[in-house]
Protein backbone atom coordinates (compact mmCIF):
# COMPACT_ATOMS: atom_id res chain seq x y z
CA UNK A 1 28.51 -28.60 -23.99
CA UNK A 2 31.92 -28.94 -22.41
CA UNK A 3 32.74 -27.98 -18.77
CA UNK A 4 33.41 -24.24 -19.53
CA UNK A 5 29.96 -23.78 -20.55
CA UNK A 6 28.47 -25.53 -17.59
CA UNK A 7 30.94 -23.37 -15.33
CA UNK A 8 29.84 -20.06 -17.09
CA UNK A 9 26.09 -20.92 -16.66
CA UNK A 10 26.50 -21.62 -12.99
CA UNK A 11 28.64 -18.48 -12.55
CA UNK A 12 25.92 -16.31 -14.20
CA UNK A 13 23.21 -17.99 -11.96
CA UNK A 14 25.21 -17.19 -8.72
CA UNK A 15 25.97 -13.70 -9.93
CA UNK A 16 22.23 -13.11 -10.78
CA UNK A 17 21.09 -14.34 -7.29
CA UNK A 18 23.68 -12.36 -5.59
CA UNK A 19 22.54 -9.20 -7.32
CA UNK A 20 18.83 -9.85 -6.34
CA UNK A 21 19.85 -10.52 -2.76
CA UNK A 22 21.92 -7.40 -2.67
CA UNK A 23 19.26 -5.08 -4.07
CA UNK A 24 16.67 -6.63 -1.62
CA UNK A 25 19.17 -6.07 1.34
CA UNK A 26 19.85 -2.43 0.30
CA UNK A 27 16.09 -1.75 -0.19
CA UNK A 28 15.39 -3.16 3.36
CA UNK A 29 18.34 -1.07 4.93
CA UNK A 30 16.85 2.13 3.23
CA UNK A 31 13.29 1.39 4.49
CA UNK A 32 11.83 0.91 0.91
CA UNK A 33 10.12 -2.41 1.82
CA UNK A 34 8.09 -1.16 4.90
CA UNK A 35 4.69 0.44 4.19
CA UNK A 36 4.33 3.89 5.67
CA UNK A 37 8.09 4.30 6.18
CA UNK A 38 8.24 7.40 3.92
CA UNK A 39 6.36 9.64 6.44
CA UNK A 40 3.22 9.96 8.47
CA UNK A 41 0.16 8.62 6.70
CA UNK A 42 -2.47 11.33 6.75
CA UNK A 43 -5.41 9.34 4.89
CA UNK A 44 -7.24 6.26 6.11
CA UNK A 45 -10.31 4.45 5.01
CA UNK A 46 -12.05 3.77 8.37
CA UNK A 47 -15.18 1.91 7.01
CA UNK A 48 -16.75 0.84 3.87
CA UNK A 49 -20.14 -0.52 3.18
CA UNK A 50 -21.72 -2.09 -0.10
CA UNK A 51 -25.02 -0.44 -0.95
CA UNK A 52 -25.54 -2.39 -3.98
CA UNK A 53 -23.27 -4.04 -6.72
CA UNK A 54 -22.44 -0.66 -8.24
CA UNK A 55 -22.49 1.81 -5.30
CA UNK A 56 -20.52 2.03 -1.94
CA UNK A 57 -20.21 4.33 0.86
CA UNK A 58 -16.91 4.86 2.48
CA UNK A 59 -15.67 6.93 5.50
CA UNK A 60 -12.33 8.51 4.92
CA UNK A 61 -10.24 10.03 7.64
CA UNK A 62 -7.83 12.99 6.75
CA UNK A 63 -6.08 14.56 9.72
CA UNK A 64 -8.94 15.33 12.20
CA UNK A 65 -11.75 15.16 9.77
CA UNK A 66 -14.06 12.44 8.45
CA UNK A 67 -15.69 12.40 5.07
CA UNK A 68 -18.65 10.22 4.06
CA UNK A 69 -18.17 9.71 0.28
CA UNK A 70 -20.71 7.81 -2.01
CA UNK A 71 -18.81 6.05 -4.74
CA UNK A 72 -20.44 5.00 -7.91
CA UNK A 73 -20.18 4.68 -11.60
CA UNK A 74 -22.04 8.15 -12.18
CA UNK A 75 -19.23 9.88 -9.98
CA UNK A 76 -18.25 10.24 -6.53
CA UNK A 77 -20.13 12.43 -3.93
CA UNK A 78 -18.96 13.86 -0.61
CA UNK A 79 -22.18 13.27 1.52
CA UNK A 80 -20.79 14.98 4.60
CA UNK A 81 -17.57 16.14 6.23
CA UNK A 82 -17.39 16.32 10.09
CA UNK A 83 -14.63 16.66 12.74
CA UNK A 84 -13.58 13.43 14.01
CA UNK A 85 -15.66 12.36 17.02
CA UNK A 86 -13.98 12.00 20.51
CA UNK A 87 -12.94 8.54 21.36
CA UNK A 88 -15.16 6.88 23.90
CA UNK A 89 -13.08 5.95 27.05
CA UNK A 90 -14.69 2.86 28.88
């Protein structure tokens, strides 16, 4: 290999790294790397409890409602749906 091949490889490496840094900078400036930056998140898992190795109870909040869901291999079942309880002030 002569020096032109080495120079071409170094230039290709620098150009590739510059493209990666440029794309990462652009994504950060546009807010693509921040979770929840696209808008208000309406859905949240409040709590989860393993009942056995195959079933799990999950409390899911959506807006001002809470849903208790039983997840299992036979299917998912909504156990109850209630309004979000008032926060306790101490």
